[in-house]
Protein backbone atom coordinates (compact mmCIF):
# COMPACT_ATOMS: atom_id res chain seq x y z
CA MET A 1 79.12 -8.89 132.58
CA MET A 2 76.25 -7.77 134.78
CA PRO A 3 74.30 -10.20 136.96
CA LEU A 4 71.12 -11.67 135.49
CA GLY A 5 68.04 -9.71 136.43
CA ILE A 6 69.87 -6.46 137.19
CA SER A 7 67.71 -4.65 134.64
CA GLU A 8 64.73 -5.36 136.89
CA LEU A 9 66.22 -2.95 139.45
CA LYS A 10 64.50 -0.01 137.78
CA SER A 11 65.47 2.45 140.53
CA LEU A 12 69.16 1.52 140.47
CA GLN A 13 71.15 4.75 140.49
CA THR A 14 74.82 3.94 140.95
CA LEU A 15 77.17 1.17 139.93
CA SER A 16 80.53 1.12 141.67
CA ASN A 17 82.28 -0.44 138.69
CA LYS A 18 82.51 0.66 135.10
CA VAL A 19 79.88 -0.90 132.84
CA VAL A 20 81.83 -2.58 130.05
CA VAL A 21 80.16 -4.04 127.02
CA VAL A 22 82.16 -6.36 124.82
CA GLU A 23 80.70 -8.13 121.83
CA ASN A 24 77.14 -8.63 123.12
CA ASN A 25 75.54 -5.27 122.40
CA ALA A 26 72.01 -6.71 122.22
CA LEU A 27 72.21 -7.81 125.86
CA PHE A 28 73.65 -4.44 126.85
CA ILE A 29 70.88 -2.54 125.11
CA SER A 30 68.10 -4.50 126.77
CA TRP A 31 69.85 -4.27 130.13
CA LEU A 32 70.61 -0.56 130.07
CA ARG A 33 67.35 0.59 128.51
CA ASN A 34 65.38 -0.04 131.72
CA LEU A 35 67.79 1.66 134.11
CA LYS A 36 66.44 5.20 133.90
CA ASN A 37 68.20 6.64 136.99
CA LEU A 38 71.60 5.12 136.35
CA ARG A 39 74.83 6.98 137.18
CA ALA A 40 77.79 5.14 135.75
CA GLU A 41 80.96 5.04 133.73
CA ILE A 42 80.18 3.24 130.48
CA SER A 43 82.60 1.62 128.07
CA ILE A 44 81.16 0.13 124.89
CA ASP A 45 83.42 -2.08 122.80
CA GLY A 46 82.43 -3.62 119.47
CA LEU A 47 80.23 -0.83 118.12
CA GLN A 48 81.06 -1.88 114.55
CA GLN A 49 78.76 -4.87 115.08
CA LEU A 50 75.63 -2.72 115.21
CA GLN A 51 73.50 -2.96 112.09
CA SER A 52 71.44 0.14 112.84
CA ALA A 53 71.67 3.20 115.08
CA ARG A 54 68.12 2.39 116.22
CA ASP A 55 69.60 -0.58 118.06
CA ILE A 56 71.48 1.73 120.40
CA GLN A 57 68.96 4.62 120.53
CA GLU A 58 66.88 2.58 122.96
CA VAL A 59 69.61 3.01 125.57
CA ASN A 60 68.89 6.77 125.61
CA LEU A 61 72.10 7.89 127.31
CA SER A 62 70.84 11.46 127.23
CA GLU A 63 68.54 10.53 130.13
CA LYS A 64 71.24 8.82 132.20
CA ARG A 65 73.95 10.35 134.36
CA VAL A 66 77.02 9.05 132.58
CA SER A 67 80.25 10.55 133.92
CA GLU A 68 82.60 8.69 131.59
CA LEU A 69 81.85 7.38 128.12
CA HIS A 70 84.28 5.22 126.13
CA MET A 71 83.13 4.30 122.62
CA LYS A 72 85.21 1.80 120.68
CA TRP A 73 84.90 0.35 117.21
CA SER A 74 87.16 -2.23 115.58
CA ASP A 75 90.59 -0.94 114.64
CA VAL A 76 90.31 -2.73 111.28
CA PHE A 77 89.38 -0.18 108.60
CA ASP A 78 88.09 -2.14 105.61
CA ASP A 79 85.11 -2.12 103.25
CA SER A 80 82.82 -3.55 105.93
CA ARG A 81 82.83 -0.19 107.74
CA ASN A 82 79.94 2.21 107.15
CA GLU A 83 80.95 5.75 108.08
CA ASN A 84 77.36 7.08 108.01
CA LEU A 85 76.17 4.31 110.33
CA GLU A 86 79.08 4.95 112.70
CA LYS A 87 78.22 8.67 112.85
CA ASP A 88 74.55 7.79 113.47
CA VAL A 89 75.58 5.40 116.26
CA MET A 90 77.72 8.08 117.90
CA ASP A 91 74.83 10.54 117.60
CA ALA A 92 72.55 8.00 119.27
CA LEU A 93 75.06 7.59 122.12
CA LYS A 94 75.00 11.29 122.99
CA PRO A 95 75.06 11.45 126.80
CA HIS A 96 73.41 14.00 129.05
CA SER A 97 75.52 17.15 128.93
CA ASP A 98 75.34 17.92 132.68
CA ASN A 99 77.33 14.92 133.85
CA LEU A 100 79.94 13.87 131.31
CA LYS A 101 83.51 14.44 132.54
CA ASP A 102 85.55 12.01 130.42
CA LEU A 103 85.05 11.08 126.78
CA VAL A 104 87.08 8.52 124.83
CA ILE A 105 86.49 7.81 121.14
CA GLU A 106 88.53 4.98 119.69
CA SER A 107 88.69 3.66 116.12
CA TYR A 108 85.66 5.63 114.94
CA GLY A 109 85.27 5.25 111.16
CA GLY A 110 83.45 8.44 110.22
CA LYS A 111 85.05 11.35 108.37
CA VAL A 112 83.47 13.93 110.67
CA PHE A 113 82.27 13.87 114.25
CA PRO A 114 78.66 14.48 115.28
CA ASN A 115 77.76 18.03 116.32
CA TRP A 116 77.51 17.18 120.01
CA ILE A 117 81.25 16.48 120.23
CA GLY A 118 82.65 19.86 121.24
CA ASP A 119 79.28 21.36 122.18
CA PRO A 120 79.85 23.91 125.00
CA SER A 121 76.77 22.59 126.84
CA PHE A 122 79.10 19.78 128.01
CA PHE A 123 80.40 22.19 130.64
CA ARG A 124 81.80 19.48 132.95
CA LEU A 125 83.77 17.70 130.24
CA THR A 126 87.41 17.94 131.33
CA ASN A 127 89.13 15.04 129.54
CA VAL A 128 88.83 14.05 125.89
CA ARG A 129 90.80 11.34 124.13
CA ILE A 130 90.34 10.68 120.42
CA GLU A 131 92.52 8.00 118.89
CA LYS A 132 92.89 5.67 115.91
CA CYS A 133 90.07 7.31 113.97
CA GLY A 134 91.53 6.34 110.61
CA ASN A 135 89.00 8.05 108.32
CA CYS A 136 88.53 11.29 110.25
CA MET A 137 89.41 14.34 108.19
CA PHE A 138 88.24 17.08 110.56
CA LEU A 139 88.43 17.58 114.30
CA PRO A 140 85.40 18.67 116.30
CA PRO A 141 85.40 22.20 117.83
CA LEU A 142 86.95 21.08 121.12
CA GLY A 143 88.02 24.64 121.90
CA GLU A 144 84.36 25.30 122.68
CA LEU A 145 84.47 23.05 125.78
CA PRO A 146 84.70 25.48 128.72
CA SER A 147 86.25 23.04 131.25
CA LEU A 148 88.57 21.05 128.99
CA LYS A 149 91.87 20.39 130.78
CA LYS A 150 93.30 17.34 129.06
CA LEU A 151 93.11 16.59 125.36
CA VAL A 152 94.76 13.60 123.70
CA ILE A 153 94.58 13.17 119.94
CA GLN A 154 96.47 10.22 118.46
CA GLU A 155 96.63 8.45 115.12
CA LEU A 156 94.19 10.56 113.12
CA LYS A 157 96.17 10.18 109.92
CA GLU A 158 93.64 11.80 107.59
CA VAL A 159 93.55 15.09 109.51
CA LYS A 160 95.78 17.39 107.47
CA VAL A 161 94.82 20.82 108.79
CA MET A 162 93.80 22.03 112.21
CA GLY A 163 92.06 25.33 111.60
CA SER A 164 89.78 27.74 113.39
CA GLU A 165 86.93 25.19 113.32
CA PHE A 166 88.92 23.21 115.91
CA LEU A 167 89.03 26.18 118.26
CA GLY A 168 85.42 27.15 117.62
CA THR A 169 84.26 30.66 118.44
CA GLY A 170 84.85 30.70 122.20
CA ILE A 171 88.01 30.72 124.25
CA ALA A 172 90.11 27.59 124.02
CA PHE A 173 91.14 25.84 127.23
CA PRO A 174 90.49 27.80 130.42
């Protein structure tokens, strides 16, 4: 939890600790929206609670210098999950490509990943972990990431084939 009034520090650039959001996404959104120059590691838990991707678009991570992004949904895959909404939320959480080094996606409920996952413009992205994405049928083109050094893929039970779309058109792993 961040101290009250921290969003008033509009020129705040760096937080020494990871920003972790659990349960109260509305507070997070209003807090983070105003911090335009922020450099941070961000972990968002409870994304399944969002009712609309517009709720999280206000954060505009593409304008912030996020070095690590951890996105987590509930690990319960039932009828309450909306795969299109979850894809829209992940699209809305697209960070700025110049800064991201670590990406973790946990319990995402979509069948496919947004186009930005695996985009070679994320040239500093070295670590990717994708786990417990129970509905995912296809992997993103992670072979397109020019600096990828560590890749962890766990518990993607619906992925049956890993074809050329996973490698993309560039060289895989430097």
